[in-house]
PDB file of N, CA and C in Angstrom:
ATOM      1  N   UNK A   1      87.181  37.040  43.064  1.00  0.00           N
ATOM      2  CA  UNK A   1      86.645  38.376  43.904  1.00  0.00           C
ATOM      3  C   UNK A   1      88.105  38.391  44.694  1.00  0.00           C
ATOM      4  N   UNK A   2      88.126  37.741  45.621  1.00  0.00           N
ATOM      5  CA  UNK A   2      88.959  37.481  46.477  1.00  0.00           C
ATOM      6  C   UNK A   2      90.055  37.160  46.233  1.00  0.00           C
ATOM      7  N   UNK A   3      90.596  37.030  44.627  1.00  0.00           N
ATOM      8  CA  UNK A   3      91.840  36.898  44.500  1.00  0.00           C
ATOM      9  C   UNK A   3      92.083  38.211  43.860  1.00  0.00           C
ATOM     10  N   UNK A   4      91.093  39.058  43.155  1.00  0.00           N
ATOM     11  CA  UNK A   4      91.486  40.651  43.302  1.00  0.00           C
ATOM     12  C   UNK A   4      91.779  41.430  44.335  1.00  0.00           C
ATOM     13  N   UNK A   5      91.271  41.267  45.264  1.00  0.00           N
ATOM     14  CA  UNK A   5      91.119  42.099  46.622  1.00  0.00           C
ATOM     15  C   UNK A   5      92.835  42.030  47.356  1.00  0.00           C
ATOM     16  N   UNK A   6      93.092  40.893  47.212  1.00  0.00           N
ATOM     17  CA  UNK A   6      94.008  40.263  47.860  1.00  0.00           C
ATOM     18  C   UNK A   6      95.228  41.039  46.659  1.00  0.00           C
ATOM     19  N   UNK A   7      95.295  40.566  45.930  1.00  0.00           N
ATOM     20  CA  UNK A   7      96.339  40.867  44.611  1.00  0.00           C
ATOM     21  C   UNK A   7      96.483  42.453  45.049  1.00  0.00           C
ATOM     22  N   UNK A   8      95.321  43.462  44.691  1.00  0.00           N
ATOM     23  CA  UNK A   8      95.444  45.104  45.241  1.00  0.00           C
ATOM     24  C   UNK A   8      96.156  45.444  46.269  1.00  0.00           C
ATOM     25  N   UNK A   9      95.534  44.495  47.099  1.00  0.00           N
ATOM     26  CA  UNK A   9      96.544  45.129  48.485  1.00  0.00           C
ATOM     27  C   UNK A   9      97.878  44.646  48.492  1.00  0.00           C
ATOM     28  N   UNK A  10      98.176  43.122  48.109  1.00  0.00           N
ATOM     29  CA  UNK A  10      99.741  43.006  48.226  1.00  0.00           C
ATOM     30  C   UNK A  10     100.413  44.288  47.303  1.00  0.00           C
ATOM     31  N   UNK A  11      99.588  44.049  46.169  1.00  0.00           N
ATOM     32  CA  UNK A  11     100.449  45.399  45.369  1.00  0.00           C
ATOM     33  C   UNK A  11     100.583  46.778  45.949  1.00  0.00           C
ATOM     34  N   UNK A  12      99.411  47.108  46.553  1.00  0.00           N
ATOM     35  CA  UNK A  12      99.306  48.504  47.412  1.00  0.00           C
ATOM     36  C   UNK A  12     100.676  48.345  48.414  1.00  0.00           C
ATOM     37  N   UNK A  13     100.645  47.263  49.109  1.00  0.00           N
ATOM     38  CA  UNK A  13     101.751  47.150  49.972  1.00  0.00           C
ATOM     39  C   UNK A  13     103.391  47.334  49.544  1.00  0.00           C
ATOM     40  N   UNK A  14     103.476  46.556  48.754  1.00  0.00           N
ATOM     41  CA  UNK A  14     104.627  46.904  47.657  1.00  0.00           C
ATOM     42  C   UNK A  14     104.916  48.403  47.713  1.00  0.00           C
ATOM     43  N   UNK A  15     104.022  48.604  46.789  1.00  0.00           N
ATOM     44  CA  UNK A  15     104.469  50.066  46.178  1.00  0.00           C
ATOM     45  C   UNK A  15     104.392  51.203  47.434  1.00  0.00           C
ATOM     46  N   UNK A  16     104.048  50.948  48.749  1.00  0.00           N
ATOM     47  CA  UNK A  16     103.812  51.727  49.670  1.00  0.00           C
ATOM     48  C   UNK A  16     105.123  51.628  50.276  1.00  0.00           C
ATOM     49  N   UNK A  17     105.628  50.613  50.417  1.00  0.00           N
ATOM     50  CA  UNK A  17     106.323  50.443  51.732  1.00  0.00           C
ATOM     51  C   UNK A  17     107.649  50.979  51.641  1.00  0.00           C
ATOM     52  N   UNK A  18     108.353  51.783  50.404  1.00  0.00           N
ATOM     53  CA  UNK A  18     109.286  52.568  50.441  1.00  0.00           C
ATOM     54  C   UNK A  18     109.284  53.711  51.210  1.00  0.00           C
ATOM     55  N   UNK A  19     108.339  54.368  51.097  1.00  0.00           N
ATOM     56  CA  UNK A  19     107.384  55.297  51.448  1.00  0.00           C
ATOM     57  C   UNK A  19     107.521  55.297  53.055  1.00  0.00           C
ATOM     58  N   UNK A  20     106.858  53.993  53.391  1.00  0.00           N
ATOM     59  CA  UNK A  20     106.735  54.366  54.897  1.00  0.00           C
ATOM     60  C   UNK A  20     108.010  53.959  55.599  1.00  0.00           C
ATOM     61  N   UNK A  21     109.217  52.893  54.947  1.00  0.00           N
ATOM     62  CA  UNK A  21     110.202  52.730  55.893  1.00  0.00           C
ATOM     63  C   UNK A  21     111.391  53.135  55.006  1.00  0.00           C
ATOM     64  N   UNK A  22     111.518  54.649  55.266  1.00  0.00           N
ATOM     65  CA  UNK A  22     112.701  55.690  54.818  1.00  0.00           C
ATOM     66  C   UNK A  22     113.527  54.971  56.006  1.00  0.00           C
ATOM     67  N   UNK A  23     114.920  54.686  55.566  1.00  0.00           N
ATOM     68  CA  UNK A  23     115.948  54.539  56.495  1.00  0.00           C
ATOM     69  C   UNK A  23     117.047  55.490  56.272  1.00  0.00           C
ATOM     70  N   UNK A  24     116.168  57.316  55.699  1.00  0.00           N
ATOM     71  CA  UNK A  24     117.310  58.351  55.436  1.00  0.00           C
ATOM     72  C   UNK A  24     117.437  59.344  57.062  1.00  0.00           C
ATOM     73  N   UNK A  25     118.215  59.622  57.230  1.00  0.00           N
ATOM     74  CA  UNK A  25     118.083  60.708  58.326  1.00  0.00           C
ATOM     75  C   UNK A  25     117.708  61.937  58.207  1.00  0.00           C
ATOM     76  N   UNK A  26     116.838  62.600  59.067  1.00  0.00           N
ATOM     77  CA  UNK A  26     116.010  63.950  58.833  1.00  0.00           C
ATOM     78  C   UNK A  26     117.624  64.483  58.352  1.00  0.00           C
ATOM     79  N   UNK A  27     116.677  65.678  57.469  1.00  0.00           N
ATOM     80  CA  UNK A  27     118.221  66.870  56.780  1.00  0.00           C
ATOM     81  C   UNK A  27     118.792  67.924  58.430  1.00  0.00           C
ATOM     82  N   UNK A  28     119.841  67.633  57.724  1.00  0.00           N
ATOM     83  CA  UNK A  28     120.849  68.238  58.918  1.00  0.00           C
ATOM     84  C   UNK A  28     121.178  67.323  60.000  1.00  0.00           C
ATOM     85  N   UNK A  29     121.000  66.219  59.651  1.00  0.00           N
ATOM     86  CA  UNK A  29     121.550  65.194  61.279  1.00  0.00           C
ATOM     87  C   UNK A  29     122.149  64.092  60.501  1.00  0.00           C
ATOM     88  N   UNK A  30     122.916  63.441  61.142  1.00  0.00           N
ATOM     89  CA  UNK A  30     123.629  62.419  60.772  1.00  0.00           C
ATOM     90  C   UNK A  30     123.101  61.323  61.140  1.00  0.00           C
ATOM     91  N   UNK A  31     123.349  60.012  60.842  1.00  0.00           N
ATOM     92  CA  UNK A  31     122.544  58.973  61.138  1.00  0.00           C
ATOM     93  C   UNK A  31     122.607  58.464  62.864  1.00  0.00           C
ATOM     94  N   UNK A  32     123.592  59.109  63.389  1.00  0.00           N
ATOM     95  CA  UNK A  32     123.420  58.782  64.488  1.00  0.00           C
ATOM     96  C   UNK A  32     122.852  60.221  65.926  1.00  0.00           C
ATOM     97  N   UNK A  33     121.990  60.814  65.227  1.00  0.00           N
ATOM     98  CA  UNK A  33     121.203  62.262  65.718  1.00  0.00           C
ATOM     99  C   UNK A  33     122.624  63.390  65.561  1.00  0.00           C
ATOM    100  N   UNK A  34     123.237  63.230  65.246  1.00  0.00           N
ATOM    101  CA  UNK A  34     124.807  64.462  65.500  1.00  0.00           C
ATOM    102  C   UNK A  34     124.381  65.355  64.315  1.00  0.00           C
ATOM    103  N   UNK A  35     124.588  66.665  64.575  1.00  0.00           N
ATOM    104  CA  UNK A  35     124.436  67.707  63.728  1.00  0.00           C
ATOM    105  C   UNK A  35     125.801  67.333  62.615  1.00  0.00           C
ATOM    106  N   UNK A  36     125.308  68.019  61.308  1.00  0.00           N
ATOM    107  CA  UNK A  36     126.170  67.757  59.976  1.00  0.00           C
ATOM    108  C   UNK A  36     127.530  68.288  60.354  1.00  0.00           C
ATOM    109  N   UNK A  37     128.220  67.923  59.970  1.00  0.00           N
ATOM    110  CA  UNK A  37     129.484  68.720  59.914  1.00  0.00           C
ATOM    111  C   UNK A  37     130.669  67.566  60.747  1.00  0.00           C
ATOM    112  N   UNK A  38     131.511  68.258  61.007  1.00  0.00           N
ATOM    113  CA  UNK A  38     132.844  67.470  61.612  1.00  0.00           C
ATOM    114  C   UNK A  38     134.262  66.732  60.412  1.00  0.00           C
ATOM    115  N   UNK A  39     134.121  65.868  60.793  1.00  0.00           N
ATOM    116  CA  UNK A  39     135.478  65.234  60.153  1.00  0.00           C
ATOM    117  C   UNK A  39     134.991  64.747  58.856  1.00  0.00           C
ATOM    118  N   UNK A  40     135.773  64.737  57.788  1.00  0.00           N
ATOM    119  CA  UNK A  40     135.408  64.063  56.560  1.00  0.00           C
ATOM    120  C   UNK A  40     135.061  62.568  56.585  1.00  0.00           C
ATOM    121  N   UNK A  41     134.395  62.136  55.486  1.00  0.00           N
ATOM    122  CA  UNK A  41     134.223  60.604  55.828  1.00  0.00           C
ATOM    123  C   UNK A  41     136.087  59.642  55.235  1.00  0.00           C
ATOM    124  N   UNK A  42     136.182  59.055  56.580  1.00  0.00           N
ATOM    125  CA  UNK A  42     137.482  58.464  56.267  1.00  0.00           C
ATOM    126  C   UNK A  42     138.271  58.783  57.138  1.00  0.00           C
ATOM    127  N   UNK A  43     137.842  59.859  57.868  1.00  0.00           N
ATOM    128  CA  UNK A  43     138.543  60.628  59.290  1.00  0.00           C
ATOM    129  C   UNK A  43     139.956  61.327  58.801  1.00  0.00           C
ATOM    130  N   UNK A  44     139.814  61.729  57.760  1.00  0.00           N
ATOM    131  CA  UNK A  44     140.820  62.576  57.195  1.00  0.00           C
ATOM    132  C   UNK A  44     141.932  61.911  56.703  1.00  0.00           C
ATOM    133  N   UNK A  45     142.076  60.536  56.582  1.00  0.00           N
ATOM    134  CA  UNK A  45     143.339  59.748  56.101  1.00  0.00           C
ATOM    135  C   UNK A  45     143.951  60.303  54.832  1.00  0.00           C
ATOM    136  N   UNK A  46     145.323  60.451  55.045  1.00  0.00           N
ATOM    137  CA  UNK A  46     145.925  60.663  53.462  1.00  0.00           C
ATOM    138  C   UNK A  46     145.945  59.481  52.762  1.00  0.00           C
ATOM    139  N   UNK A  47     146.110  60.507  51.168  1.00  0.00           N
ATOM    140  CA  UNK A  47     145.563  59.375  50.166  1.00  0.00           C
ATOM    141  C   UNK A  47     146.745  59.654  49.358  1.00  0.00           C
ATOM    142  N   UNK A  48     147.616  60.326  49.619  1.00  0.00           N
ATOM    143  CA  UNK A  48     148.894  61.054  48.868  1.00  0.00           C
ATOM    144  C   UNK A  48     150.132  59.633  48.424  1.00  0.00           C
ATOM    145  N   UNK A  49     150.101  58.559  49.293  1.00  0.00           N
ATOM    146  CA  UNK A  49     151.115  57.819  49.003  1.00  0.00           C
ATOM    147  C   UNK A  49     150.697  56.662  48.269  1.00  0.00           C
ATOM    148  N   UNK A  50     149.225  56.496  48.519  1.00  0.00           N
ATOM    149  CA  UNK A  50     148.443  55.274  48.035  1.00  0.00           C
ATOM    150  C   UNK A  50     148.165  55.957  46.456  1.00  0.00           C
ATOM    151  N   UNK A  51     148.079  57.126  46.232  1.00  0.00           N
ATOM    152  CA  UNK A  51     147.960  57.535  44.807  1.00  0.00           C
ATOM    153  C   UNK A  51     148.979  57.207  44.130  1.00  0.00           C
ATOM    154  N   UNK A  52     150.671  57.899  44.286  1.00  0.00           N
ATOM    155  CA  UNK A  52     151.736  57.466  43.594  1.00  0.00           C
ATOM    156  C   UNK A  52     151.903  55.959  43.493  1.00  0.00           C
ATOM    157  N   UNK A  53     151.904  55.138  44.388  1.00  0.00           N
ATOM    158  CA  UNK A  53     151.969  53.402  44.568  1.00  0.00           C
ATOM    159  C   UNK A  53     150.908  53.068  43.257  1.00  0.00           C
ATOM    160  N   UNK A  54     149.505  53.360  43.229  1.00  0.00           N
ATOM    161  CA  UNK A  54     148.392  53.314  41.975  1.00  0.00           C
ATOM    162  C   UNK A  54     149.281  53.999  40.851  1.00  0.00           C
ATOM    163  N   UNK A  55     149.734  54.740  40.670  1.00  0.00           N
ATOM    164  CA  UNK A  55     149.937  55.771  39.391  1.00  0.00           C
ATOM    165  C   UNK A  55     151.425  54.414  38.780  1.00  0.00           C
ATOM    166  N   UNK A  56     152.197  54.500  39.997  1.00  0.00           N
ATOM    167  CA  UNK A  56     153.655  53.925  39.244  1.00  0.00           C
ATOM    168  C   UNK A  56     153.188  52.517  38.595  1.00  0.00           C
ATOM    169  N   UNK A  57     152.133  51.565  39.538  1.00  0.00           N
ATOM    170  CA  UNK A  57     152.075  50.362  39.229  1.00  0.00           C
ATOM    171  C   UNK A  57     151.191  50.261  37.760  1.00  0.00           C
ATOM    172  N   UNK A  58     150.308  51.210  37.529  1.00  0.00           N
ATOM    173  CA  UNK A  58     149.860  51.474  36.199  1.00  0.00           C
ATOM    174  C   UNK A  58     150.701  51.909  35.105  1.00  0.00           C
ATOM    175  N   UNK A  59     151.395  52.630  35.377  1.00  0.00           N
ATOM    176  CA  UNK A  59     152.564  52.959  34.433  1.00  0.00           C
ATOM    177  C   UNK A  59     153.448  51.566  34.199  1.00  0.00           C
ATOM    178  N   UNK A  60     153.805  50.769  35.068  1.00  0.00           N
ATOM    179  CA  UNK A  60     154.560  49.364  34.833  1.00  0.00           C
ATOM    180  C   UNK A  60     153.265  48.942  34.284  1.00  0.00           C
ATOM    181  N   UNK A  61     152.416  48.657  34.393  1.00  0.00           N
ATOM    182  CA  UNK A  61     151.736  47.534  33.620  1.00  0.00           C
ATOM    183  C   UNK A  61     151.586  48.024  32.233  1.00  0.00           C
ATOM    184  N   UNK A  62     151.062  49.340  31.901  1.00  0.00           N
ATOM    185  CA  UNK A  62     151.206  50.229  30.645  1.00  0.00           C
ATOM    186  C   UNK A  62     152.434  49.950  29.988  1.00  0.00           C
ATOM    187  N   UNK A  63     153.885  50.174  30.416  1.00  0.00           N
ATOM    188  CA  UNK A  63     155.106  49.809  29.976  1.00  0.00           C
ATOM    189  C   UNK A  63     155.137  48.066  29.713  1.00  0.00           C
ATOM    190  N   UNK A  64     154.816  47.407  30.394  1.00  0.00           N
ATOM    191  CA  UNK A  64     154.729  45.985  30.025  1.00  0.00           C
ATOM    192  C   UNK A  64     153.582  45.659  28.607  1.00  0.00           C
ATOM    193  N   UNK A  65     152.896  46.154  28.649  1.00  0.00           N
ATOM    194  CA  UNK A  65     151.873  45.907  27.602  1.00  0.00           C
ATOM    195  C   UNK A  65     152.386  46.608  26.205  1.00  0.00           C
ATOM    196  N   UNK A  66     153.067  47.721  25.897  1.00  0.00           N
ATOM    197  CA  UNK A  66     153.766  48.299  25.335  1.00  0.00           C
ATOM    198  C   UNK A  66     154.905  47.072  24.776  1.00  0.00           C
ATOM    199  N   UNK A  67     155.951  47.030  25.630  1.00  0.00           N
ATOM    200  CA  UNK A  67     156.833  46.075  25.453  1.00  0.00           C
ATOM    201  C   UNK A  67     156.307  44.550  24.768  1.00  0.00           C
ATOM    202  N   UNK A  68     155.205  44.105  25.296  1.00  0.00           N
ATOM    203  CA  UNK A  68     154.715  42.836  24.593  1.00  0.00           C
ATOM    204  C   UNK A  68     154.299  43.233  23.138  1.00  0.00           C
ATOM    205  N   UNK A  69     153.764  44.148  22.739  1.00  0.00           N
ATOM    206  CA  UNK A  69     153.139  44.482  21.570  1.00  0.00           C
ATOM    207  C   UNK A  69     154.606  44.955  20.399  1.00  0.00           C
ATOM    208  N   UNK A  70     155.372  45.427  20.539  1.00  0.00           N
ATOM    209  CA  UNK A  70     156.979  45.144  20.241  1.00  0.00           C
ATOM    210  C   UNK A  70     157.382  44.239  20.058  1.00  0.00           C
ATOM    211  N   UNK A  71     157.466  43.367  21.166  1.00  0.00           N
ATOM    212  CA  UNK A  71     158.176  42.344  20.845  1.00  0.00           C
ATOM    213  C   UNK A  71     157.563  41.447  20.174  1.00  0.00           C
ATOM    214  N   UNK A  72     155.884  41.197  19.903  1.00  0.00           N
ATOM    215  CA  UNK A  72     155.009  40.245  19.049  1.00  0.00           C
ATOM    216  C   UNK A  72     155.153  40.930  17.478  1.00  0.00           C
ATOM    217  N   UNK A  73     155.785  41.993  17.299  1.00  0.00           N
ATOM    218  CA  UNK A  73     155.921  42.214  16.088  1.00  0.00           C
ATOM    219  C   UNK A  73     157.497  42.470  15.290  1.00  0.00           C
TER     220      UNK A  73
END
């Protein structure tokens, strides 16, 4: 009987733990307690040049694959 009670207690604790230990901030607040708003995530860093570099590298990789396929035939 003690095993059943112990297993039910452990199961209940495991099931209820996520409800009791929520790490989310209150609605309308950031994690540090300040109000929602302000700078976007990443601080407004520009991504334009990185995007262009990524597209050029992808195009070069695709051209290499096409060249390899044509060379094999």
